[in-house]
All heavy atoms as atom14 arrays in JSON, in Angstrom:
{
  "sequence": "RENYGILRGVDTEIPAILFRDMRLFLENPKFRAIALEEPRKYFFRHFF",
  "atom14_mask": [
    [1, 1, 1, 1, 1, 1, 1, 1, 1, 1, 1, 0, 0, 0],
    [1, 1, 1, 1, 1, 1, 1, 1, 1, 0, 0, 0, 0, 0],
    [1, 1, 1, 1, 1, 1, 1, 1, 0, 0, 0, 0, 0, 0],
    [1, 1, 1, 1, 1, 1, 1, 1, 1, 1, 1, 1, 0, 0],
    [1, 1, 1, 1, 0, 0, 0, 0, 0, 0, 0, 0, 0, 0],
    [1, 1, 1, 1, 1, 1, 1, 1, 0, 0, 0, 0, 0, 0],
    [1, 1, 1, 1, 1, 1, 1, 1, 0, 0, 0, 0, 0, 0],
    [1, 1, 1, 1, 1, 1, 1, 1, 1, 1, 1, 0, 0, 0],
    [1, 1, 1, 1, 0, 0, 0, 0, 0, 0, 0, 0, 0, 0],
    [1, 1, 1, 1, 1, 1, 1, 0, 0, 0, 0, 0, 0, 0],
    [1, 1, 1, 1, 1, 1, 1, 1, 0, 0, 0, 0, 0, 0],
    [1, 1, 1, 1, 1, 1, 1, 0, 0, 0, 0, 0, 0, 0],
    [1, 1, 1, 1, 1, 1, 1, 1, 1, 0, 0, 0, 0, 0],
    [1, 1, 1, 1, 1, 1, 1, 1, 0, 0, 0, 0, 0, 0],
    [1, 1, 1, 1, 1, 1, 1, 0, 0, 0, 0, 0, 0, 0],
    [1, 1, 1, 1, 1, 0, 0, 0, 0, 0, 0, 0, 0, 0],
    [1, 1, 1, 1, 1, 1, 1, 1, 0, 0, 0, 0, 0, 0],
    [1, 1, 1, 1, 1, 1, 1, 1, 0, 0, 0, 0, 0, 0],
    [1, 1, 1, 1, 1, 1, 1, 1, 1, 1, 1, 0, 0, 0],
    [1, 1, 1, 1, 1, 1, 1, 1, 1, 1, 1, 0, 0, 0],
    [1, 1, 1, 1, 1, 1, 1, 1, 0, 0, 0, 0, 0, 0],
    [1, 1, 1, 1, 1, 1, 1, 1, 0, 0, 0, 0, 0, 0],
    [1, 1, 1, 1, 1, 1, 1, 1, 1, 1, 1, 0, 0, 0],
    [1, 1, 1, 1, 1, 1, 1, 1, 0, 0, 0, 0, 0, 0],
    [1, 1, 1, 1, 1, 1, 1, 1, 1, 1, 1, 0, 0, 0],
    [1, 1, 1, 1, 1, 1, 1, 1, 0, 0, 0, 0, 0, 0],
    [1, 1, 1, 1, 1, 1, 1, 1, 1, 0, 0, 0, 0, 0],
    [1, 1, 1, 1, 1, 1, 1, 1, 0, 0, 0, 0, 0, 0],
    [1, 1, 1, 1, 1, 1, 1, 0, 0, 0, 0, 0, 0, 0],
    [1, 1, 1, 1, 1, 1, 1, 1, 1, 0, 0, 0, 0, 0],
    [1, 1, 1, 1, 1, 1, 1, 1, 1, 1, 1, 0, 0, 0],
    [1, 1, 1, 1, 1, 1, 1, 1, 1, 1, 1, 0, 0, 0],
    [1, 1, 1, 1, 1, 0, 0, 0, 0, 0, 0, 0, 0, 0],
    [1, 1, 1, 1, 1, 1, 1, 1, 0, 0, 0, 0, 0, 0],
    [1, 1, 1, 1, 1, 0, 0, 0, 0, 0, 0, 0, 0, 0],
    [1, 1, 1, 1, 1, 1, 1, 1, 0, 0, 0, 0, 0, 0],
    [1, 1, 1, 1, 1, 1, 1, 1, 1, 0, 0, 0, 0, 0],
    [1, 1, 1, 1, 1, 1, 1, 1, 1, 0, 0, 0, 0, 0],
    [1, 1, 1, 1, 1, 1, 1, 0, 0, 0, 0, 0, 0, 0],
    [1, 1, 1, 1, 1, 1, 1, 1, 1, 1, 1, 0, 0, 0],
    [1, 1, 1, 1, 1, 1, 1, 1, 1, 0, 0, 0, 0, 0],
    [1, 1, 1, 1, 1, 1, 1, 1, 1, 1, 1, 1, 0, 0],
    [1, 1, 1, 1, 1, 1, 1, 1, 1, 1, 1, 0, 0, 0],
    [1, 1, 1, 1, 1, 1, 1, 1, 1, 1, 1, 0, 0, 0],
    [1, 1, 1, 1, 1, 1, 1, 1, 1, 1, 1, 0, 0, 0],
    [1, 1, 1, 1, 1, 1, 1, 1, 1, 1, 0, 0, 0, 0],
    [1, 1, 1, 1, 1, 1, 1, 1, 1, 1, 1, 0, 0, 0],
    [1, 1, 1, 1, 1, 1, 1, 1, 1, 1, 1, 0, 0, 0]
  ],
  "atom14_positions": [
    [[5.1, 55.69, -10.52], [4.07, 54.84, -9.82], [3.59, 53.73, -10.69], [2.87, 52.83, -10.19], [2.89, 55.74, -9.45], [3.34, 56.86, -8.41], [2.2, 57.74, -8.0], [2.69, 58.91, -7.4], [2.22, 59.47, -6.26], [1.25, 58.87, -5.6], [2.81, 60.56, -5.75], [0.0, 0.0, 0.0], [0.0, 0.0, 0.0], [0.0, 0.0, 0.0]],
    [[3.98, 53.74, -12.0], [3.65, 52.6, -12.85], [4.9, 52.19, -13.68], [4.79, 51.75, -14.82], [2.43, 52.98, -13.81], [1.22, 53.35, -13.08], [0.1, 53.85, -13.96], [0.08, 53.45, -15.15], [-0.76, 54.6, -13.44], [0.0, 0.0, 0.0], [0.0, 0.0, 0.0], [0.0, 0.0, 0.0], [0.0, 0.0, 0.0], [0.0, 0.0, 0.0]],
    [[6.04, 52.31, -13.07], [7.3, 52.05, -13.7], [7.67, 50.56, -13.71], [8.55, 50.05, -13.02], [8.44, 52.83, -12.98], [9.82, 52.62, -13.5], [10.79, 52.68, -12.79], [9.98, 52.37, -14.83], [0.0, 0.0, 0.0], [0.0, 0.0, 0.0], [0.0, 0.0, 0.0], [0.0, 0.0, 0.0], [0.0, 0.0, 0.0], [0.0, 0.0, 0.0]],
    [[6.87, 49.81, -14.43], [6.97, 48.31, -14.41], [8.19, 47.79, -15.22], [8.7, 46.77, -14.9], [5.66, 47.68, -14.93], [4.47, 48.02, -14.16], [3.35, 48.75, -14.64], [4.37, 47.6, -12.81], [2.28, 49.04, -13.92], [3.23, 47.91, -12.02], [2.18, 48.66, -12.6], [1.09, 49.01, -11.85], [0.0, 0.0, 0.0], [0.0, 0.0, 0.0]],
    [[8.59, 48.59, -16.25], [9.74, 48.16, -17.02], [10.95, 48.96, -16.59], [10.89, 49.75, -15.57], [0.0, 0.0, 0.0], [0.0, 0.0, 0.0], [0.0, 0.0, 0.0], [0.0, 0.0, 0.0], [0.0, 0.0, 0.0], [0.0, 0.0, 0.0], [0.0, 0.0, 0.0], [0.0, 0.0, 0.0], [0.0, 0.0, 0.0], [0.0, 0.0, 0.0]],
    [[12.02, 48.86, -17.3], [13.21, 49.69, -16.96], [12.92, 51.17, -17.27], [13.14, 52.05, -16.4], [14.5, 49.25, -17.74], [14.84, 47.81, -17.35], [15.65, 50.2, -17.56], [15.98, 47.22, -18.13], [0.0, 0.0, 0.0], [0.0, 0.0, 0.0], [0.0, 0.0, 0.0], [0.0, 0.0, 0.0], [0.0, 0.0, 0.0], [0.0, 0.0, 0.0]],
    [[12.36, 51.5, -18.41], [11.98, 52.85, -18.81], [10.43, 53.01, -18.79], [9.9, 54.16, -18.65], [12.61, 53.23, -20.14], [14.11, 53.34, -20.18], [14.53, 53.61, -21.57], [14.63, 54.33, -19.16], [0.0, 0.0, 0.0], [0.0, 0.0, 0.0], [0.0, 0.0, 0.0], [0.0, 0.0, 0.0], [0.0, 0.0, 0.0], [0.0, 0.0, 0.0]],
    [[9.73, 51.94, -19.12], [8.29, 52.0, -19.2], [7.68, 52.47, -17.84], [7.89, 51.91, -16.83], [7.7, 50.67, -19.59], [6.14, 50.7, -19.75], [5.62, 49.42, -20.46], [5.99, 48.21, -19.75], [5.12, 47.65, -18.88], [3.95, 48.25, -18.64], [5.43, 46.56, -18.25], [0.0, 0.0, 0.0], [0.0, 0.0, 0.0], [0.0, 0.0, 0.0]],
    [[6.86, 53.53, -17.93], [6.15, 54.02, -16.71], [6.97, 55.06, -15.96], [6.53, 55.52, -14.85], [0.0, 0.0, 0.0], [0.0, 0.0, 0.0], [0.0, 0.0, 0.0], [0.0, 0.0, 0.0], [0.0, 0.0, 0.0], [0.0, 0.0, 0.0], [0.0, 0.0, 0.0], [0.0, 0.0, 0.0], [0.0, 0.0, 0.0], [0.0, 0.0, 0.0]],
    [[8.14, 55.5, -16.49], [8.83, 56.6, -15.9], [7.98, 57.83, -16.11], [7.55, 58.12, -17.25], [10.23, 56.79, -16.52], [10.84, 58.11, -15.99], [11.13, 55.61, -16.15], [0.0, 0.0, 0.0], [0.0, 0.0, 0.0], [0.0, 0.0, 0.0], [0.0, 0.0, 0.0], [0.0, 0.0, 0.0], [0.0, 0.0, 0.0], [0.0, 0.0, 0.0]],
    [[7.59, 58.56, -15.08], [6.62, 59.66, -15.19], [7.2, 61.02, -14.92], [8.37, 61.14, -14.56], [5.33, 59.35, -14.39], [5.58, 59.23, -12.92], [6.48, 59.87, -12.41], [4.86, 58.5, -12.27], [0.0, 0.0, 0.0], [0.0, 0.0, 0.0], [0.0, 0.0, 0.0], [0.0, 0.0, 0.0], [0.0, 0.0, 0.0], [0.0, 0.0, 0.0]],
    [[6.38, 61.97, -15.04], [6.81, 63.35, -14.83], [7.17, 63.69, -13.38], [7.78, 64.78, -13.07], [5.68, 64.32, -15.29], [4.48, 64.05, -14.59], [5.47, 64.22, -16.79], [0.0, 0.0, 0.0], [0.0, 0.0, 0.0], [0.0, 0.0, 0.0], [0.0, 0.0, 0.0], [0.0, 0.0, 0.0], [0.0, 0.0, 0.0], [0.0, 0.0, 0.0]],
    [[6.84, 62.75, -12.49], [7.21, 63.01, -11.09], [8.63, 62.65, -10.76], [9.07, 62.75, -9.64], [6.29, 62.14, -10.17], [4.89, 62.63, -9.97], [4.27, 61.87, -8.85], [4.4, 62.22, -7.71], [3.54, 60.84, -9.19], [0.0, 0.0, 0.0], [0.0, 0.0, 0.0], [0.0, 0.0, 0.0], [0.0, 0.0, 0.0], [0.0, 0.0, 0.0]],
    [[9.4, 62.16, -11.76], [10.73, 61.64, -11.46], [11.6, 62.64, -10.72], [12.36, 62.22, -9.8], [11.44, 61.13, -12.73], [12.67, 60.34, -12.35], [11.69, 62.21, -13.76], [13.28, 59.59, -13.56], [0.0, 0.0, 0.0], [0.0, 0.0, 0.0], [0.0, 0.0, 0.0], [0.0, 0.0, 0.0], [0.0, 0.0, 0.0], [0.0, 0.0, 0.0]],
    [[11.59, 64.01, -10.98], [12.41, 64.84, -10.15], [12.03, 64.81, -8.65], [12.91, 64.77, -7.83], [12.23, 66.26, -10.74], [11.78, 66.0, -12.19], [10.95, 64.7, -12.07], [0.0, 0.0, 0.0], [0.0, 0.0, 0.0], [0.0, 0.0, 0.0], [0.0, 0.0, 0.0], [0.0, 0.0, 0.0], [0.0, 0.0, 0.0], [0.0, 0.0, 0.0]],
    [[10.76, 64.84, -8.4], [10.28, 64.76, -6.95], [10.64, 63.43, -6.34], [11.01, 63.4, -5.17], [8.79, 65.03, -6.9], [0.0, 0.0, 0.0], [0.0, 0.0, 0.0], [0.0, 0.0, 0.0], [0.0, 0.0, 0.0], [0.0, 0.0, 0.0], [0.0, 0.0, 0.0], [0.0, 0.0, 0.0], [0.0, 0.0, 0.0], [0.0, 0.0, 0.0]],
    [[10.49, 62.3, -7.13], [10.84, 61.03, -6.62], [12.31, 60.96, -6.27], [12.7, 60.46, -5.19], [10.38, 59.92, -7.58], [8.88, 59.82, -7.64], [11.02, 58.57, -7.2], [8.37, 58.91, -8.75], [0.0, 0.0, 0.0], [0.0, 0.0, 0.0], [0.0, 0.0, 0.0], [0.0, 0.0, 0.0], [0.0, 0.0, 0.0], [0.0, 0.0, 0.0]],
    [[13.15, 61.41, -7.18], [14.58, 61.4, -6.96], [14.97, 62.24, -5.77], [15.92, 61.89, -5.0], [15.36, 61.84, -8.22], [15.3, 60.9, -9.44], [15.89, 61.5, -10.68], [15.99, 59.59, -9.1], [0.0, 0.0, 0.0], [0.0, 0.0, 0.0], [0.0, 0.0, 0.0], [0.0, 0.0, 0.0], [0.0, 0.0, 0.0], [0.0, 0.0, 0.0]],
    [[14.33, 63.39, -5.64], [14.66, 64.27, -4.49], [14.27, 63.59, -3.22], [15.07, 63.58, -2.21], [13.87, 65.63, -4.58], [13.96, 66.47, -3.41], [15.14, 67.22, -3.21], [12.94, 66.62, -2.53], [15.29, 68.03, -2.11], [13.11, 67.47, -1.43], [14.23, 68.13, -1.23], [0.0, 0.0, 0.0], [0.0, 0.0, 0.0], [0.0, 0.0, 0.0]],
    [[13.13, 62.92, -3.11], [12.7, 62.2, -1.9], [13.64, 61.03, -1.64], [13.99, 60.72, -0.48], [11.29, 61.78, -2.02], [10.26, 62.94, -1.92], [8.86, 62.45, -1.59], [8.28, 61.64, -2.6], [7.57, 62.17, -3.67], [7.44, 63.48, -3.74], [7.03, 61.41, -4.55], [0.0, 0.0, 0.0], [0.0, 0.0, 0.0], [0.0, 0.0, 0.0]],
    [[13.97, 60.29, -2.72], [14.96, 59.23, -2.58], [16.26, 59.69, -1.96], [16.81, 59.02, -1.11], [15.18, 58.49, -3.95], [14.08, 57.59, -4.38], [13.18, 57.36, -3.58], [14.2, 57.05, -5.5], [0.0, 0.0, 0.0], [0.0, 0.0, 0.0], [0.0, 0.0, 0.0], [0.0, 0.0, 0.0], [0.0, 0.0, 0.0], [0.0, 0.0, 0.0]],
    [[16.75, 60.79, -2.45], [18.01, 61.25, -1.97], [17.95, 61.69, -0.51], [18.86, 61.4, 0.25], [18.47, 62.49, -2.87], [19.87, 63.04, -2.48], [21.17, 61.72, -2.43], [21.21, 61.31, -4.14], [0.0, 0.0, 0.0], [0.0, 0.0, 0.0], [0.0, 0.0, 0.0], [0.0, 0.0, 0.0], [0.0, 0.0, 0.0], [0.0, 0.0, 0.0]],
    [[16.84, 62.39, -0.15], [16.67, 62.73, 1.23], [16.64, 61.5, 2.17], [17.23, 61.5, 3.22], [15.41, 63.59, 1.48], [15.59, 65.03, 0.99], [14.48, 65.88, 1.62], [14.54, 65.91, 3.04], [13.62, 66.45, 3.88], [12.53, 66.97, 3.37], [13.75, 66.38, 5.18], [0.0, 0.0, 0.0], [0.0, 0.0, 0.0], [0.0, 0.0, 0.0]],
    [[15.84, 60.52, 1.71], [15.72, 59.36, 2.47], [17.06, 58.61, 2.57], [17.48, 58.13, 3.64], [14.64, 58.41, 1.92], [13.22, 58.72, 2.22], [12.33, 57.92, 1.29], [12.91, 58.45, 3.63], [0.0, 0.0, 0.0], [0.0, 0.0, 0.0], [0.0, 0.0, 0.0], [0.0, 0.0, 0.0], [0.0, 0.0, 0.0], [0.0, 0.0, 0.0]],
    [[17.8, 58.62, 1.46], [19.1, 57.96, 1.44], [20.06, 58.54, 2.44], [20.79, 57.87, 3.12], [19.74, 58.09, 0.05], [21.02, 57.32, -0.14], [20.95, 55.96, -0.48], [22.25, 57.86, 0.11], [22.15, 55.28, -0.67], [23.39, 57.22, -0.07], [23.46, 55.88, -0.39], [0.0, 0.0, 0.0], [0.0, 0.0, 0.0], [0.0, 0.0, 0.0]],
    [[20.01, 59.91, 2.54], [20.92, 60.58, 3.46], [20.46, 60.53, 4.88], [21.32, 60.47, 5.81], [21.04, 62.06, 2.99], [21.75, 62.33, 1.67], [21.61, 63.78, 1.3], [23.19, 61.86, 1.72], [0.0, 0.0, 0.0], [0.0, 0.0, 0.0], [0.0, 0.0, 0.0], [0.0, 0.0, 0.0], [0.0, 0.0, 0.0], [0.0, 0.0, 0.0]],
    [[19.17, 60.47, 5.13], [18.68, 60.61, 6.43], [18.06, 59.39, 7.07], [17.83, 59.34, 8.29], [17.55, 61.77, 6.5], [18.06, 63.09, 6.1], [17.01, 64.18, 6.09], [15.99, 63.97, 6.79], [17.19, 65.2, 5.44], [0.0, 0.0, 0.0], [0.0, 0.0, 0.0], [0.0, 0.0, 0.0], [0.0, 0.0, 0.0], [0.0, 0.0, 0.0]],
    [[17.76, 58.37, 6.27], [17.14, 57.19, 6.81], [17.96, 55.93, 6.52], [18.03, 55.43, 5.43], [15.71, 57.0, 6.13], [14.92, 55.89, 6.77], [15.45, 54.76, 6.94], [13.68, 56.09, 7.03], [0.0, 0.0, 0.0], [0.0, 0.0, 0.0], [0.0, 0.0, 0.0], [0.0, 0.0, 0.0], [0.0, 0.0, 0.0], [0.0, 0.0, 0.0]],
    [[18.63, 55.35, 7.6], [19.51, 54.23, 7.35], [18.8, 53.02, 6.76], [19.38, 52.24, 5.96], [20.03, 53.87, 8.76], [19.91, 55.21, 9.53], [18.69, 55.79, 8.96], [0.0, 0.0, 0.0], [0.0, 0.0, 0.0], [0.0, 0.0, 0.0], [0.0, 0.0, 0.0], [0.0, 0.0, 0.0], [0.0, 0.0, 0.0], [0.0, 0.0, 0.0]],
    [[17.49, 52.81, 7.1], [16.77, 51.64, 6.59], [16.6, 51.79, 5.08], [16.79, 50.81, 4.33], [15.38, 51.54, 7.27], [15.43, 51.09, 8.77], [14.13, 50.88, 9.27], [13.32, 52.13, 9.47], [12.05, 51.89, 10.17], [0.0, 0.0, 0.0], [0.0, 0.0, 0.0], [0.0, 0.0, 0.0], [0.0, 0.0, 0.0], [0.0, 0.0, 0.0]],
    [[16.24, 52.97, 4.64], [16.05, 53.21, 3.23], [17.39, 53.1, 2.49], [17.53, 52.52, 1.37], [15.38, 54.56, 2.92], [15.29, 54.79, 1.47], [14.25, 54.35, 0.68], [16.2, 55.58, 0.75], [14.09, 54.56, -0.65], [16.16, 55.86, -0.56], [15.08, 55.32, -1.29], [0.0, 0.0, 0.0], [0.0, 0.0, 0.0], [0.0, 0.0, 0.0]],
    [[18.46, 53.65, 3.12], [19.8, 53.6, 2.5], [20.2, 52.11, 2.28], [20.77, 51.81, 1.22], [20.81, 54.34, 3.41], [22.18, 54.43, 2.77], [22.98, 55.58, 3.43], [23.13, 55.37, 4.89], [22.62, 56.19, 5.77], [21.9, 57.24, 5.41], [22.81, 55.98, 7.04], [0.0, 0.0, 0.0], [0.0, 0.0, 0.0], [0.0, 0.0, 0.0]],
    [[19.89, 51.28, 3.2], [20.26, 49.82, 3.04], [19.53, 49.32, 1.86], [20.13, 48.49, 1.02], [19.98, 49.08, 4.3], [0.0, 0.0, 0.0], [0.0, 0.0, 0.0], [0.0, 0.0, 0.0], [0.0, 0.0, 0.0], [0.0, 0.0, 0.0], [0.0, 0.0, 0.0], [0.0, 0.0, 0.0], [0.0, 0.0, 0.0], [0.0, 0.0, 0.0]],
    [[18.2, 49.58, 1.75], [17.4, 49.1, 0.61], [18.0, 49.63, -0.74], [18.13, 48.89, -1.68], [15.96, 49.49, 0.75], [15.35, 48.86, 2.02], [15.13, 49.19, -0.47], [13.97, 49.4, 2.44], [0.0, 0.0, 0.0], [0.0, 0.0, 0.0], [0.0, 0.0, 0.0], [0.0, 0.0, 0.0], [0.0, 0.0, 0.0], [0.0, 0.0, 0.0]],
    [[18.27, 50.9, -0.7], [18.71, 51.6, -2.0], [20.09, 51.05, -2.45], [20.37, 51.01, -3.62], [18.76, 53.07, -1.8], [0.0, 0.0, 0.0], [0.0, 0.0, 0.0], [0.0, 0.0, 0.0], [0.0, 0.0, 0.0], [0.0, 0.0, 0.0], [0.0, 0.0, 0.0], [0.0, 0.0, 0.0], [0.0, 0.0, 0.0], [0.0, 0.0, 0.0]],
    [[20.88, 50.58, -1.51], [22.23, 50.08, -1.89], [22.15, 48.65, -2.35], [22.89, 48.17, -3.18], [23.17, 50.21, -0.69], [23.61, 51.62, -0.36], [24.46, 51.69, 0.93], [24.43, 52.27, -1.52], [0.0, 0.0, 0.0], [0.0, 0.0, 0.0], [0.0, 0.0, 0.0], [0.0, 0.0, 0.0], [0.0, 0.0, 0.0], [0.0, 0.0, 0.0]],
    [[21.18, 47.89, -1.68], [21.16, 46.41, -1.95], [20.25, 46.07, -3.09], [20.61, 45.27, -3.99], [20.68, 45.74, -0.66], [20.49, 44.26, -0.81], [21.66, 43.44, -1.17], [22.78, 43.92, -0.81], [21.52, 42.31, -1.7], [0.0, 0.0, 0.0], [0.0, 0.0, 0.0], [0.0, 0.0, 0.0], [0.0, 0.0, 0.0], [0.0, 0.0, 0.0]],
    [[19.01, 46.61, -3.14], [17.97, 46.1, -4.04], [18.3, 46.35, -5.52], [18.03, 45.45, -6.34], [16.66, 46.68, -3.66], [16.06, 46.11, -2.4], [15.71, 44.61, -2.51], [15.1, 44.25, -3.57], [15.99, 43.9, -1.59], [0.0, 0.0, 0.0], [0.0, 0.0, 0.0], [0.0, 0.0, 0.0], [0.0, 0.0, 0.0], [0.0, 0.0, 0.0]],
    [[18.76, 47.52, -5.97], [18.92, 47.73, -7.39], [19.91, 46.71, -8.08], [19.79, 46.51, -9.27], [19.5, 49.13, -7.49], [18.95, 49.81, -6.3], [18.98, 48.76, -5.18], [0.0, 0.0, 0.0], [0.0, 0.0, 0.0], [0.0, 0.0, 0.0], [0.0, 0.0, 0.0], [0.0, 0.0, 0.0], [0.0, 0.0, 0.0], [0.0, 0.0, 0.0]],
    [[20.83, 46.15, -7.28], [21.73, 45.14, -7.86], [20.95, 43.95, -8.37], [21.44, 43.21, -9.22], [22.72, 44.72, -6.82], [23.6, 45.77, -6.27], [24.74, 45.23, -5.36], [24.22, 44.39, -4.25], [24.99, 43.66, -3.52], [26.27, 43.53, -3.75], [24.47, 42.94, -2.51], [0.0, 0.0, 0.0], [0.0, 0.0, 0.0], [0.0, 0.0, 0.0]],
    [[19.73, 43.72, -7.86], [18.97, 42.56, -8.28], [18.37, 42.68, -9.68], [17.77, 41.72, -10.14], [17.92, 42.26, -7.2], [18.5, 41.77, -5.91], [17.47, 41.7, -4.78], [18.15, 41.53, -3.43], [17.23, 41.5, -2.29], [0.0, 0.0, 0.0], [0.0, 0.0, 0.0], [0.0, 0.0, 0.0], [0.0, 0.0, 0.0], [0.0, 0.0, 0.0]],
    [[18.5, 43.83, -10.28], [18.25, 43.91, -11.74], [19.16, 42.96, -12.5], [18.77, 42.53, -13.56], [18.45, 45.34, -12.22], [17.24, 46.23, -12.3], [17.24, 47.45, -11.7], [16.1, 45.84, -12.98], [16.08, 48.3, -11.76], [14.99, 46.57, -13.08], [14.99, 47.83, -12.47], [13.86, 48.59, -12.53], [0.0, 0.0, 0.0], [0.0, 0.0, 0.0]],
    [[20.35, 42.76, -11.94], [21.31, 41.88, -12.59], [21.16, 40.45, -12.1], [21.07, 40.17, -10.93], [22.73, 42.37, -12.28], [22.99, 43.76, -12.75], [22.91, 44.84, -11.83], [23.23, 44.01, -14.07], [23.18, 46.1, -12.23], [23.45, 45.35, -14.52], [23.39, 46.4, -13.55], [0.0, 0.0, 0.0], [0.0, 0.0, 0.0], [0.0, 0.0, 0.0]],
    [[21.05, 39.58, -13.04], [20.77, 38.14, -12.77], [21.68, 37.59, -11.69], [21.18, 36.85, -10.84], [20.83, 37.3, -14.09], [20.53, 35.86, -13.84], [19.28, 35.42, -13.72], [21.63, 34.97, -13.64], [19.0, 34.1, -13.48], [21.39, 33.58, -13.38], [20.04, 33.2, -13.31], [0.0, 0.0, 0.0], [0.0, 0.0, 0.0], [0.0, 0.0, 0.0]],
    [[22.93, 37.82, -11.74], [23.86, 37.25, -10.83], [23.45, 37.55, -9.36], [23.5, 36.58, -8.5], [25.26, 37.8, -11.08], [26.36, 37.21, -10.14], [27.73, 37.57, -10.67], [27.95, 39.0, -10.79], [28.49, 39.73, -9.83], [28.85, 39.17, -8.7], [28.67, 41.06, -10.0], [0.0, 0.0, 0.0], [0.0, 0.0, 0.0], [0.0, 0.0, 0.0]],
    [[23.11, 38.76, -9.08], [22.76, 39.1, -7.72], [21.36, 38.56, -7.33], [21.18, 38.1, -6.21], [22.75, 40.64, -7.54], [24.1, 41.23, -7.73], [25.08, 41.07, -6.75], [24.63, 41.94, -8.73], [26.22, 41.7, -7.15], [25.97, 42.25, -8.29], [0.0, 0.0, 0.0], [0.0, 0.0, 0.0], [0.0, 0.0, 0.0], [0.0, 0.0, 0.0]],
    [[20.39, 38.59, -8.26], [19.06, 38.05, -8.02], [19.22, 36.52, -7.71], [18.61, 36.04, -6.71], [18.2, 38.24, -9.24], [16.74, 37.96, -9.0], [15.78, 38.88, -8.88], [16.32, 36.59, -8.97], [14.45, 38.62, -8.66], [14.98, 36.29, -8.83], [14.04, 37.29, -8.67], [0.0, 0.0, 0.0], [0.0, 0.0, 0.0], [0.0, 0.0, 0.0]],
    [[19.98, 35.79, -8.52], [20.11, 34.38, -8.36], [20.85, 34.08, -7.02], [20.38, 33.17, -6.28], [21.01, 33.8, -9.47], [21.37, 32.33, -9.26], [20.41, 31.38, -9.61], [22.59, 31.99, -8.75], [20.67, 30.02, -9.43], [22.88, 30.68, -8.54], [21.97, 29.68, -8.88], [0.0, 0.0, 0.0], [0.0, 0.0, 0.0], [0.0, 0.0, 0.0]]
  ]
}
């Protein structure tokens, strides 16, 4: 909930967050589209 950097702010909830992310990825097409598209924007080429 405060993960402002790549590792900064990673908290003890990460197992629960990953579990919810996985459920949403499998069951919610809108979230799946976000999860597939957005993380690429960490890389400058995709952001640009």
